[in-house]
Protein backbone atom coordinates (compact mmCIF):
# COMPACT_ATOMS: atom_id res chain seq x y z
CA MET A 1 -7.37 1.30 -11.94
CA ARG A 2 -7.11 -0.45 -15.24
CA GLY A 3 -5.35 0.90 -18.48
CA SER A 4 -2.18 1.48 -20.13
CA LEU A 5 0.93 3.07 -18.54
CA GLY A 6 2.31 4.01 -21.70
CA GLY A 7 0.63 7.25 -22.78
CA LYS A 8 1.49 10.67 -21.38
CA GLY A 9 -0.57 11.32 -18.36
CA SER A 10 -2.28 8.02 -18.41
CA PHE A 11 -0.60 6.80 -15.19
CA GLU A 12 -1.52 9.94 -13.49
CA THR A 13 -5.13 9.80 -14.74
CA GLY A 14 -5.29 6.24 -13.38
CA LEU A 15 -3.91 7.20 -10.04
CA SER A 16 -6.44 10.08 -9.67
CA HIS A 17 -9.29 7.44 -9.79
CA VAL A 18 -7.85 5.38 -6.93
CA SER A 19 -9.73 6.06 -3.79
CA PHE A 20 -7.86 6.53 -0.39
CA GLU A 21 -8.59 7.78 3.06
CA ILE A 22 -6.58 9.50 5.42
CA VAL A 23 -7.40 8.40 9.06
CA PRO A 24 -6.31 9.81 12.32
CA ASP A 25 -3.62 8.15 14.34
CA PRO A 26 -5.04 5.68 16.87
CA PRO A 27 -4.71 6.22 20.57
CA PRO A 28 -1.34 4.72 21.94
CA GLN A 29 -3.16 2.31 24.28
CA GLU A 30 -4.90 0.68 21.31
CA ILE A 31 -1.72 0.33 19.27
CA LEU A 32 -0.39 -2.05 21.73
CA ASP A 33 -2.95 -4.62 20.85
CA TYR A 34 -1.85 -4.56 17.25
CA ALA A 35 1.90 -4.55 17.74
CA THR A 36 2.13 -8.15 16.90
CA LEU A 37 0.59 -7.74 13.39
CA VAL A 38 3.81 -6.38 11.92
CA GLN A 39 7.58 -6.77 12.56
CA GLY A 40 8.36 -3.22 13.67
CA VAL A 41 6.38 -1.70 16.52
CA SER A 42 6.62 1.66 14.73
CA ASP A 43 4.45 0.25 11.96
CA ALA A 44 1.61 -0.94 14.27
CA PRO A 45 -0.28 2.30 13.96
CA VAL A 46 -0.41 1.92 10.17
CA ALA A 47 -1.73 -1.67 10.47
CA PHE A 48 -4.21 -0.71 13.20
CA SER A 49 -5.44 2.27 11.24
CA ALA A 50 -5.93 0.25 8.02
CA ILE A 51 -7.95 -2.40 9.82
CA ARG A 52 -9.99 0.21 11.83
CA ALA A 53 -10.72 1.99 8.49
CA GLY A 54 -11.89 -1.23 6.86
CA VAL A 55 -9.62 -1.08 3.84
CA LEU A 56 -9.40 -3.98 1.54
CA SER A 57 -5.68 -3.50 0.73
CA LEU A 58 -2.57 -1.96 2.35
CA VAL A 59 0.00 -0.87 -0.19
CA SER A 60 3.53 -0.71 1.43
CA ASP A 61 7.24 -1.15 0.53
CA ASP A 62 8.18 -1.47 4.19
CA ARG A 63 9.52 -4.98 4.78
CA ASP A 64 8.30 -4.95 8.40
CA VAL A 65 4.63 -4.68 6.83
CA THR A 66 5.16 -6.84 3.69
CA HIS A 67 7.13 -9.68 5.14
CA GLU A 68 4.86 -12.67 4.72
CA ALA A 69 5.87 -14.92 7.45
CA ALA A 70 5.92 -12.06 9.97
CA THR A 71 2.62 -10.61 9.10
CA GLN A 72 0.38 -13.65 8.57
CA GLU A 73 -2.28 -12.30 11.18
CA LEU A 74 -2.43 -9.00 9.48
CA ARG A 75 -3.04 -10.76 6.10
CA THR A 76 -6.08 -12.49 7.51
CA ARG A 77 -7.61 -9.03 7.99
CA LEU A 78 -6.53 -7.23 4.82
CA ARG A 79 -4.53 -7.65 1.66
CA VAL A 80 -0.87 -6.48 1.90
CA LEU A 81 0.69 -5.53 -1.46
CA ARG A 82 3.98 -4.20 -2.47
CA PRO A 83 3.64 -1.13 -4.83
CA VAL A 84 4.82 -2.97 -7.87
CA VAL A 85 2.12 -5.79 -7.37
CA PHE A 86 -0.49 -3.00 -6.78
CA LEU A 87 0.56 -1.28 -10.02
CA HIS A 88 0.73 -4.48 -12.02
CA GLU A 89 -2.57 -5.73 -11.04
CA GLY A 90 -4.17 -2.28 -11.21
CA THR A 91 -2.87 -1.25 -14.61
CA GLY A 92 -1.97 -4.51 -16.33
CA GLY A 93 1.36 -2.75 -16.91
CA SER A 94 4.30 -4.84 -18.27
CA PRO A 95 7.51 -5.13 -16.26
CA ARG A 96 9.17 -2.69 -18.55
CA ASP A 97 6.33 -0.14 -18.01
CA LEU A 98 6.53 -0.57 -14.12
CA GLU A 99 10.34 -0.30 -14.35
CA GLN A 100 9.96 2.98 -16.13
CA ILE A 101 7.58 4.31 -13.40
CA ARG A 102 10.07 3.23 -10.70
CA HIS A 103 12.72 5.43 -12.12
CA ARG A 104 10.55 8.58 -12.68
CA HIS A 105 11.28 11.76 -10.85
CA TRP A 106 8.05 12.72 -9.01
CA PRO A 107 7.36 16.45 -8.54
CA ILE A 108 6.78 17.45 -4.99
CA GLU A 109 3.78 19.63 -4.43
């Protein structure tokens, strides 16, 4: 996802080219093995599912997932990015561009 964030629709166009996958929730007994990968036990299914799906990056704004010291083992298995870092790296947008995106009102479909 490289390009400008400035033009009308360019951000949406860029996002439409980002691939993602929805995976089923893991069985509860398997989640327990991954509970130490994140700070909050409720986030373990997300970490487990991301690893199981073989993703390269997990984008999250949840501090239980993004806290570096608490998620070191998770970070050996995949890249954990906060949304602003993902957007900056993916679009090359300036801090001003990214700030405009943060304050947008997103339509709910």
